[in-house]
Amino acid sequence: MESVFDPEGNKNLIARIEKLTPITLSQWGKMTVSQMMEHCQQPIKVARGTLLLKPTLMSFLFGKMIKKKLMDPKPFARDLPTVKQFKIENEPDFENTKKELIELVSIFATEGHDAIKNTKHPFFGNMTMKEWDVLQWKHLDHHLKQFGV
């Protein structure tokens, strides 16, 4: 698996994001391309400490078990539930959202592990840098595949 921290892997993610256009259609799911790019920013903001989510009873009961499953090398399933704070109801501006996502993704390559400001995930608990890397990579990869890039 590639790494969001590795400059080459990071460059590959950004190249895929740059292929998106305002008319790129999803291969599954209900999000538009702009909503997907806004959605993909949310987990990065959690890692950066700029989006604060409160742990829930579900996270306490099932967080570690689900984290273990998500760390598996297999890609994310298409039908995974979305955290309500990550659901994008409006239609974001395509160009601004794309630019913001690229800027956020590039921080992983420029800052390395210092990009992660929040070592405790609100749902999964304490996270290593490797776990943050896997989670971010797989989430971005999942949604870029959803839009055919």
N, C-alpha and C. Protein backbone atom coordinates (compact mmCIF):
# COMPACT_ATOMS: atom_id res chain seq x y z
N MET A 1 0.85 -1.17 0.00
CA MET A 1 0.00 0.00 0.00
C MET A 1 0.89 1.24 0.00
N GLU A 2 0.49 2.23 -0.77
CA GLU A 2 1.23 3.48 -0.79
C GLU A 2 0.98 4.26 0.49
N SER A 3 1.71 5.35 0.65
CA SER A 3 1.64 6.14 1.88
C SER A 3 1.33 7.60 1.57
N VAL A 4 0.47 8.21 2.37
CA VAL A 4 0.20 9.64 2.21
C VAL A 4 1.42 10.47 2.60
N PHE A 5 2.30 9.90 3.44
CA PHE A 5 3.48 10.61 3.89
C PHE A 5 4.62 10.56 2.87
N ASP A 6 4.62 9.53 2.04
CA ASP A 6 5.66 9.38 1.03
C ASP A 6 5.43 10.39 -0.10
N PRO A 7 6.42 11.20 -0.45
CA PRO A 7 6.21 12.21 -1.50
C PRO A 7 5.69 11.62 -2.82
N GLU A 8 6.18 10.46 -3.20
CA GLU A 8 5.73 9.87 -4.47
C GLU A 8 4.29 9.37 -4.37
N GLY A 9 3.96 8.68 -3.29
CA GLY A 9 2.59 8.23 -3.08
C GLY A 9 1.62 9.40 -2.98
N ASN A 10 2.04 10.45 -2.30
CA ASN A 10 1.23 11.65 -2.14
C ASN A 10 1.00 12.30 -3.51
N LYS A 11 2.06 12.36 -4.30
CA LYS A 11 1.96 12.93 -5.65
C LYS A 11 0.97 12.12 -6.51
N ASN A 12 0.98 10.81 -6.34
CA ASN A 12 0.04 9.95 -7.08
C ASN A 12 -1.41 10.25 -6.69
N LEU A 13 -1.66 10.45 -5.40
CA LEU A 13 -3.02 10.80 -4.96
C LEU A 13 -3.45 12.13 -5.57
N ILE A 14 -2.57 13.10 -5.52
CA ILE A 14 -2.91 14.43 -6.05
C ILE A 14 -3.14 14.36 -7.56
N ALA A 15 -2.36 13.57 -8.26
CA ALA A 15 -2.56 13.41 -9.72
C ALA A 15 -3.95 12.83 -9.99
N ARG A 16 -4.39 11.93 -9.16
CA ARG A 16 -5.74 11.35 -9.33
C ARG A 16 -6.81 12.41 -9.05
N ILE A 17 -6.61 13.21 -8.01
CA ILE A 17 -7.57 14.28 -7.69
C ILE A 17 -7.63 15.27 -8.85
N GLU A 18 -6.49 15.58 -9.43
CA GLU A 18 -6.44 16.55 -10.53
C GLU A 18 -7.19 16.06 -11.77
N LYS A 19 -7.39 14.76 -11.91
CA LYS A 19 -8.15 14.22 -13.05
C LYS A 19 -9.65 14.45 -12.92
N LEU A 20 -10.12 14.78 -11.73
CA LEU A 20 -11.55 15.00 -11.53
C LEU A 20 -12.01 16.27 -12.24
N THR A 21 -13.21 16.21 -12.79
CA THR A 21 -13.81 17.38 -13.44
C THR A 21 -15.19 17.60 -12.83
N PRO A 22 -15.79 18.76 -13.07
CA PRO A 22 -17.12 19.01 -12.50
C PRO A 22 -18.19 18.02 -12.98
N ILE A 23 -17.92 17.33 -14.08
CA ILE A 23 -18.92 16.39 -14.60
C ILE A 23 -18.54 14.92 -14.37
N THR A 24 -17.49 14.68 -13.59
CA THR A 24 -17.11 13.31 -13.26
C THR A 24 -18.23 12.67 -12.45
N LEU A 25 -18.69 11.51 -12.89
CA LEU A 25 -19.80 10.82 -12.22
C LEU A 25 -19.28 9.69 -11.35
N SER A 26 -20.02 9.42 -10.30
CA SER A 26 -19.63 8.33 -9.41
C SER A 26 -20.04 6.99 -10.02
N GLN A 27 -19.30 5.96 -9.66
CA GLN A 27 -19.62 4.61 -10.11
C GLN A 27 -20.53 3.90 -9.12
N TRP A 28 -20.67 4.47 -7.94
CA TRP A 28 -21.61 4.00 -6.92
C TRP A 28 -21.85 5.13 -5.95
N GLY A 29 -22.88 5.01 -5.15
CA GLY A 29 -23.17 5.99 -4.11
C GLY A 29 -23.94 7.19 -4.64
N LYS A 30 -24.21 8.13 -3.73
CA LYS A 30 -25.08 9.26 -4.04
C LYS A 30 -24.37 10.60 -4.13
N MET A 31 -23.11 10.68 -3.72
CA MET A 31 -22.41 11.97 -3.70
C MET A 31 -22.06 12.45 -5.10
N THR A 32 -22.05 13.78 -5.24
CA THR A 32 -21.48 14.38 -6.45
C THR A 32 -19.97 14.45 -6.26
N VAL A 33 -19.25 14.78 -7.30
CA VAL A 33 -17.80 14.86 -7.21
C VAL A 33 -17.38 15.96 -6.22
N SER A 34 -18.09 17.08 -6.20
CA SER A 34 -17.75 18.16 -5.26
C SER A 34 -18.04 17.74 -3.82
N GLN A 35 -19.15 17.06 -3.62
CA GLN A 35 -19.47 16.58 -2.27
C GLN A 35 -18.43 15.57 -1.81
N MET A 36 -17.98 14.71 -2.71
CA MET A 36 -16.96 13.71 -2.36
C MET A 36 -15.67 14.39 -1.94
N MET A 37 -15.25 15.41 -2.67
CA MET A 37 -14.00 16.08 -2.32
C MET A 37 -14.11 16.81 -0.99
N GLU A 38 -15.26 17.39 -0.71
CA GLU A 38 -15.49 18.03 0.60
C GLU A 38 -15.51 16.96 1.70
N HIS A 39 -16.18 15.86 1.41
CA HIS A 39 -16.24 14.74 2.36
C HIS A 39 -14.84 14.23 2.69
N CYS A 40 -13.99 14.10 1.69
CA CYS A 40 -12.63 13.57 1.90
C CYS A 40 -11.77 14.50 2.76
N GLN A 41 -12.13 15.75 2.83
CA GLN A 41 -11.38 16.69 3.66
C GLN A 41 -11.64 16.46 5.15
N GLN A 42 -12.80 15.95 5.49
CA GLN A 42 -13.19 15.86 6.90
C GLN A 42 -12.28 14.95 7.74
N PRO A 43 -11.96 13.73 7.30
CA PRO A 43 -11.04 12.90 8.10
C PRO A 43 -9.64 13.50 8.22
N ILE A 44 -9.23 14.23 7.19
CA ILE A 44 -7.92 14.91 7.26
C ILE A 44 -7.98 16.00 8.33
N LYS A 45 -9.09 16.72 8.36
CA LYS A 45 -9.26 17.77 9.37
C LYS A 45 -9.30 17.18 10.78
N VAL A 46 -9.86 15.99 10.93
CA VAL A 46 -9.84 15.31 12.23
C VAL A 46 -8.39 15.02 12.62
N ALA A 47 -7.62 14.48 11.68
CA ALA A 47 -6.21 14.17 11.95
C ALA A 47 -5.41 15.43 12.25
N ARG A 48 -5.74 16.52 11.60
CA ARG A 48 -5.04 17.79 11.79
C ARG A 48 -5.47 18.50 13.07
N GLY A 49 -6.58 18.04 13.66
CA GLY A 49 -7.07 18.68 14.88
C GLY A 49 -7.91 19.91 14.63
N THR A 50 -8.34 20.13 13.38
CA THR A 50 -9.15 21.31 13.07
C THR A 50 -10.64 20.98 13.01
N LEU A 51 -10.99 19.70 13.05
CA LEU A 51 -12.37 19.26 13.16
C LEU A 51 -12.44 18.35 14.38
N LEU A 52 -13.14 18.80 15.38
CA LEU A 52 -13.23 18.05 16.63
C LEU A 52 -14.56 17.31 16.70
N LEU A 53 -14.48 16.02 16.87
CA LEU A 53 -15.66 15.19 17.02
C LEU A 53 -15.63 14.57 18.41
N LYS A 54 -16.79 14.43 19.01
CA LYS A 54 -16.86 13.82 20.33
C LYS A 54 -17.04 12.31 20.21
N PRO A 55 -16.32 11.56 21.04
CA PRO A 55 -16.53 10.11 21.05
C PRO A 55 -17.97 9.79 21.46
N THR A 56 -18.47 8.69 20.94
CA THR A 56 -19.83 8.26 21.25
C THR A 56 -19.77 6.92 21.98
N LEU A 57 -20.91 6.48 22.45
CA LEU A 57 -21.00 5.16 23.06
C LEU A 57 -20.59 4.09 22.05
N MET A 58 -20.99 4.26 20.79
CA MET A 58 -20.62 3.30 19.73
C MET A 58 -19.10 3.22 19.58
N SER A 59 -18.42 4.36 19.67
CA SER A 59 -16.97 4.34 19.53
C SER A 59 -16.34 3.60 20.70
N PHE A 60 -16.88 3.80 21.88
CA PHE A 60 -16.36 3.11 23.06
C PHE A 60 -16.55 1.60 22.94
N LEU A 61 -17.72 1.19 22.44
CA LEU A 61 -18.04 -0.23 22.36
C LEU A 61 -17.38 -0.94 21.17
N PHE A 62 -17.32 -0.27 20.03
CA PHE A 62 -16.91 -0.95 18.80
C PHE A 62 -15.71 -0.35 18.08
N GLY A 63 -15.21 0.79 18.55
CA GLY A 63 -14.15 1.51 17.84
C GLY A 63 -12.91 0.68 17.56
N LYS A 64 -12.39 0.00 18.57
CA LYS A 64 -11.15 -0.76 18.38
C LYS A 64 -11.35 -1.94 17.45
N MET A 65 -12.52 -2.57 17.52
CA MET A 65 -12.80 -3.71 16.65
C MET A 65 -12.90 -3.24 15.19
N ILE A 66 -13.58 -2.13 14.98
CA ILE A 66 -13.74 -1.61 13.61
C ILE A 66 -12.40 -1.11 13.08
N LYS A 67 -11.60 -0.47 13.94
CA LYS A 67 -10.28 0.00 13.51
C LYS A 67 -9.44 -1.17 13.01
N LYS A 68 -9.47 -2.26 13.74
CA LYS A 68 -8.69 -3.44 13.33
C LYS A 68 -9.13 -3.92 11.95
N LYS A 69 -10.43 -3.93 11.72
CA LYS A 69 -10.95 -4.36 10.41
C LYS A 69 -10.53 -3.40 9.30
N LEU A 70 -10.55 -2.10 9.59
CA LEU A 70 -10.18 -1.11 8.58
C LEU A 70 -8.69 -1.12 8.26
N MET A 71 -7.88 -1.61 9.17
CA MET A 71 -6.43 -1.68 8.95
C MET A 71 -6.05 -2.86 8.05
N ASP A 72 -6.99 -3.74 7.81
CA ASP A 72 -6.79 -4.87 6.91
C ASP A 72 -6.37 -4.32 5.54
N PRO A 73 -5.50 -5.02 4.80
CA PRO A 73 -5.06 -4.51 3.50
C PRO A 73 -6.15 -4.41 2.43
N LYS A 74 -7.28 -5.07 2.65
CA LYS A 74 -8.36 -5.01 1.66
C LYS A 74 -8.92 -3.59 1.56
N PRO A 75 -9.33 -3.18 0.34
CA PRO A 75 -9.96 -1.86 0.19
C PRO A 75 -11.26 -1.77 1.00
N PHE A 76 -11.68 -0.55 1.29
CA PHE A 76 -12.94 -0.35 1.98
C PHE A 76 -14.09 -0.88 1.15
N ALA A 77 -15.09 -1.43 1.82
CA ALA A 77 -16.30 -1.88 1.14
C ALA A 77 -17.10 -0.66 0.68
N ARG A 78 -17.91 -0.85 -0.32
CA ARG A 78 -18.70 0.26 -0.87
C ARG A 78 -19.82 0.73 0.05
N ASP A 79 -20.25 -0.10 0.95
CA ASP A 79 -21.45 0.21 1.73
C ASP A 79 -21.16 0.61 3.17
N LEU A 80 -19.94 1.08 3.45
CA LEU A 80 -19.62 1.47 4.83
C LEU A 80 -20.44 2.71 5.21
N PRO A 81 -20.91 2.77 6.45
CA PRO A 81 -21.68 3.95 6.87
C PRO A 81 -20.77 5.17 6.99
N THR A 82 -21.38 6.33 6.81
CA THR A 82 -20.66 7.61 6.89
C THR A 82 -21.02 8.33 8.18
N VAL A 83 -20.03 8.84 8.86
CA VAL A 83 -20.26 9.65 10.06
C VAL A 83 -21.09 10.86 9.66
N LYS A 84 -22.10 11.19 10.45
CA LYS A 84 -23.01 12.28 10.06
C LYS A 84 -22.27 13.60 9.84
N GLN A 85 -21.20 13.85 10.59
CA GLN A 85 -20.45 15.09 10.42
C GLN A 85 -19.67 15.11 9.10
N PHE A 86 -19.54 13.98 8.45
CA PHE A 86 -18.83 13.89 7.18
C PHE A 86 -19.78 13.91 5.98
N LYS A 87 -21.08 13.90 6.23
CA LYS A 87 -22.06 13.94 5.15
C LYS A 87 -22.18 15.38 4.66
N ILE A 88 -22.05 15.55 3.37
CA ILE A 88 -22.10 16.87 2.76
C ILE A 88 -23.45 17.01 2.05
N GLU A 89 -24.28 17.89 2.56
CA GLU A 89 -25.64 18.05 2.03
C GLU A 89 -25.70 19.11 0.93
N ASN A 90 -24.85 20.13 1.03
CA ASN A 90 -24.86 21.21 0.03
C ASN A 90 -24.03 20.80 -1.18
N GLU A 91 -23.97 21.66 -2.17
CA GLU A 91 -23.16 21.41 -3.36
C GLU A 91 -21.98 22.38 -3.34
N PRO A 92 -20.81 21.93 -2.85
CA PRO A 92 -19.65 22.82 -2.76
C PRO A 92 -19.16 23.28 -4.13
N ASP A 93 -18.49 24.42 -4.15
CA ASP A 93 -17.87 24.91 -5.37
C ASP A 93 -16.76 23.94 -5.78
N PHE A 94 -16.83 23.45 -6.99
CA PHE A 94 -15.90 22.42 -7.45
C PHE A 94 -14.44 22.86 -7.35
N GLU A 95 -14.11 23.98 -7.96
CA GLU A 95 -12.70 24.41 -8.03
C GLU A 95 -12.12 24.69 -6.64
N ASN A 96 -12.87 25.38 -5.80
CA ASN A 96 -12.37 25.67 -4.44
C ASN A 96 -12.18 24.39 -3.64
N THR A 97 -13.15 23.49 -3.74
CA THR A 97 -13.10 22.24 -2.97
C THR A 97 -11.94 21.37 -3.45
N LYS A 98 -11.73 21.33 -4.73
CA LYS A 98 -10.61 20.56 -5.29
C LYS A 98 -9.28 21.14 -4.81
N LYS A 99 -9.15 22.46 -4.87
CA LYS A 99 -7.92 23.13 -4.42
C LYS A 99 -7.67 22.85 -2.94
N GLU A 100 -8.71 22.95 -2.12
CA GLU A 100 -8.58 22.71 -0.67
C GLU A 100 -8.17 21.26 -0.38
N LEU A 101 -8.76 20.30 -1.10
CA LEU A 101 -8.41 18.90 -0.89
C LEU A 101 -6.95 18.66 -1.26
N ILE A 102 -6.52 19.18 -2.38
CA ILE A 102 -5.12 19.02 -2.80
C ILE A 102 -4.18 19.62 -1.76
N GLU A 103 -4.52 20.80 -1.25
CA GLU A 103 -3.68 21.43 -0.22
C GLU A 103 -3.61 20.56 1.04
N LEU A 104 -4.74 20.03 1.46
CA LEU A 104 -4.75 19.18 2.66
C LEU A 104 -3.95 17.90 2.45
N VAL A 105 -4.12 17.26 1.32
CA VAL A 105 -3.39 16.02 1.04
C VAL A 105 -1.89 16.29 0.97
N SER A 106 -1.51 17.40 0.37
CA SER A 106 -0.07 17.69 0.20
C SER A 106 0.62 17.93 1.54
N ILE A 107 -0.12 18.34 2.57
CA ILE A 107 0.46 18.56 3.90
C ILE A 107 1.11 17.30 4.44
N PHE A 108 0.54 16.14 4.13
CA PHE A 108 1.12 14.88 4.61
C PHE A 108 2.54 14.69 4.08
N ALA A 109 2.78 15.07 2.83
CA ALA A 109 4.11 14.90 2.24
C ALA A 109 5.07 15.98 2.74
N THR A 110 4.59 17.20 2.89
CA THR A 110 5.49 18.29 3.29
C THR A 110 5.82 18.27 4.78
N GLU A 111 4.84 17.91 5.61
CA GLU A 111 5.06 17.92 7.06
C GLU A 111 5.38 16.54 7.63
N GLY A 112 5.14 15.50 6.86
CA GLY A 112 5.36 14.15 7.37
C GLY A 112 4.46 13.87 8.56
N HIS A 113 4.98 13.16 9.53
CA HIS A 113 4.18 12.78 10.69
C HIS A 113 3.73 13.99 11.51
N ASP A 114 4.40 15.13 11.36
CA ASP A 114 3.97 16.34 12.06
C ASP A 114 2.62 16.84 11.55
N ALA A 115 2.18 16.34 10.41
CA ALA A 115 0.86 16.72 9.88
C ALA A 115 -0.26 16.23 10.79
N ILE A 116 0.00 15.16 11.51
CA ILE A 116 -1.01 14.59 12.42
C ILE A 116 -0.90 15.31 13.76
N LYS A 117 -1.91 16.07 14.09
CA LYS A 117 -1.92 16.83 15.34
C LYS A 117 -2.75 16.13 16.41
N ASN A 118 -3.59 15.20 15.98
CA ASN A 118 -4.53 14.53 16.87
C ASN A 118 -4.19 13.04 16.91
N THR A 119 -3.52 12.60 17.94
CA THR A 119 -3.11 11.20 17.99
C THR A 119 -4.23 10.28 18.47
N LYS A 120 -5.31 10.87 18.98
CA LYS A 120 -6.43 10.06 19.46
C LYS A 120 -7.65 10.32 18.56
N HIS A 121 -8.00 9.31 17.80
CA HIS A 121 -9.15 9.41 16.91
C HIS A 121 -10.43 9.36 17.74
N PRO A 122 -11.43 10.18 17.41
CA PRO A 122 -12.65 10.20 18.22
C PRO A 122 -13.46 8.90 18.19
N PHE A 123 -13.26 8.07 17.19
CA PHE A 123 -13.98 6.81 17.11
C PHE A 123 -13.08 5.61 17.41
N PHE A 124 -11.84 5.65 16.92
CA PHE A 124 -10.95 4.50 17.01
C PHE A 124 -9.98 4.56 18.18
N GLY A 125 -9.92 5.66 18.89
CA GLY A 125 -9.01 5.79 20.03
C GLY A 125 -7.60 6.14 19.59
N ASN A 126 -6.62 5.76 20.40
CA ASN A 126 -5.23 6.09 20.09
C ASN A 126 -4.83 5.47 18.76
N MET A 127 -4.12 6.27 17.97
CA MET A 127 -3.71 5.84 16.63
C MET A 127 -2.21 6.05 16.46
N THR A 128 -1.55 5.08 15.88
CA THR A 128 -0.14 5.24 15.51
C THR A 128 -0.08 6.01 14.20
N MET A 129 1.10 6.48 13.84
CA MET A 129 1.26 7.16 12.56
C MET A 129 0.94 6.21 11.40
N LYS A 130 1.32 4.96 11.54
CA LYS A 130 1.01 3.96 10.50
C LYS A 130 -0.49 3.81 10.35
N GLU A 131 -1.21 3.76 11.46
CA GLU A 131 -2.67 3.63 11.39
C GLU A 131 -3.31 4.86 10.75
N TRP A 132 -2.83 6.05 11.11
CA TRP A 132 -3.35 7.27 10.47
C TRP A 132 -3.08 7.20 8.96
N ASP A 133 -1.89 6.77 8.61
CA ASP A 133 -1.50 6.68 7.20
C ASP A 133 -2.43 5.74 6.45
N VAL A 134 -2.62 4.54 6.98
CA VAL A 134 -3.49 3.55 6.33
C VAL A 134 -4.92 4.09 6.21
N LEU A 135 -5.43 4.66 7.29
CA LEU A 135 -6.80 5.16 7.29
C LEU A 135 -6.99 6.27 6.26
N GLN A 136 -6.06 7.22 6.23
CA GLN A 136 -6.17 8.33 5.27
C GLN A 136 -6.03 7.83 3.84
N TRP A 137 -5.03 6.97 3.61
CA TRP A 137 -4.80 6.46 2.25
C TRP A 137 -6.03 5.68 1.75
N LYS A 138 -6.49 4.76 2.56
CA LYS A 138 -7.60 3.91 2.12
C LYS A 138 -8.88 4.73 1.89
N HIS A 139 -9.12 5.74 2.72
CA HIS A 139 -10.31 6.56 2.55
C HIS A 139 -10.24 7.36 1.25
N LEU A 140 -9.10 7.99 1.01
CA LEU A 140 -8.94 8.75 -0.24
C LEU A 140 -9.02 7.83 -1.45
N ASP A 141 -8.32 6.72 -1.39
CA ASP A 141 -8.31 5.76 -2.50
C ASP A 141 -9.73 5.26 -2.79
N HIS A 142 -10.46 4.95 -1.74
CA HIS A 142 -11.84 4.46 -1.87
C HIS A 142 -12.70 5.45 -2.67
N HIS A 143 -12.63 6.72 -2.30
CA HIS A 143 -13.49 7.70 -2.96
C HIS A 143 -12.97 8.11 -4.34
N LEU A 144 -11.67 8.07 -4.53
CA LEU A 144 -11.17 8.36 -5.88
C LEU A 144 -11.57 7.23 -6.83
N LYS A 145 -11.53 5.99 -6.36
CA LYS A 145 -12.02 4.87 -7.17
C LYS A 145 -13.52 5.00 -7.43
N GLN A 146 -14.26 5.51 -6.43
CA GLN A 146 -15.70 5.71 -6.60
C GLN A 146 -15.97 6.60 -7.80
N PHE A 147 -15.05 7.54 -8.07
CA PHE A 147 -15.22 8.47 -9.19
C PHE A 147 -14.31 8.13 -10.36
N GLY A 148 -13.82 6.90 -10.39
CA GLY A 148 -13.13 6.38 -11.57
C GLY A 148 -11.72 6.90 -11.80
N VAL A 149 -11.10 7.45 -10.76
CA VAL A 149 -9.70 7.92 -10.95
C VAL A 149 -8.79 7.23 -9.96
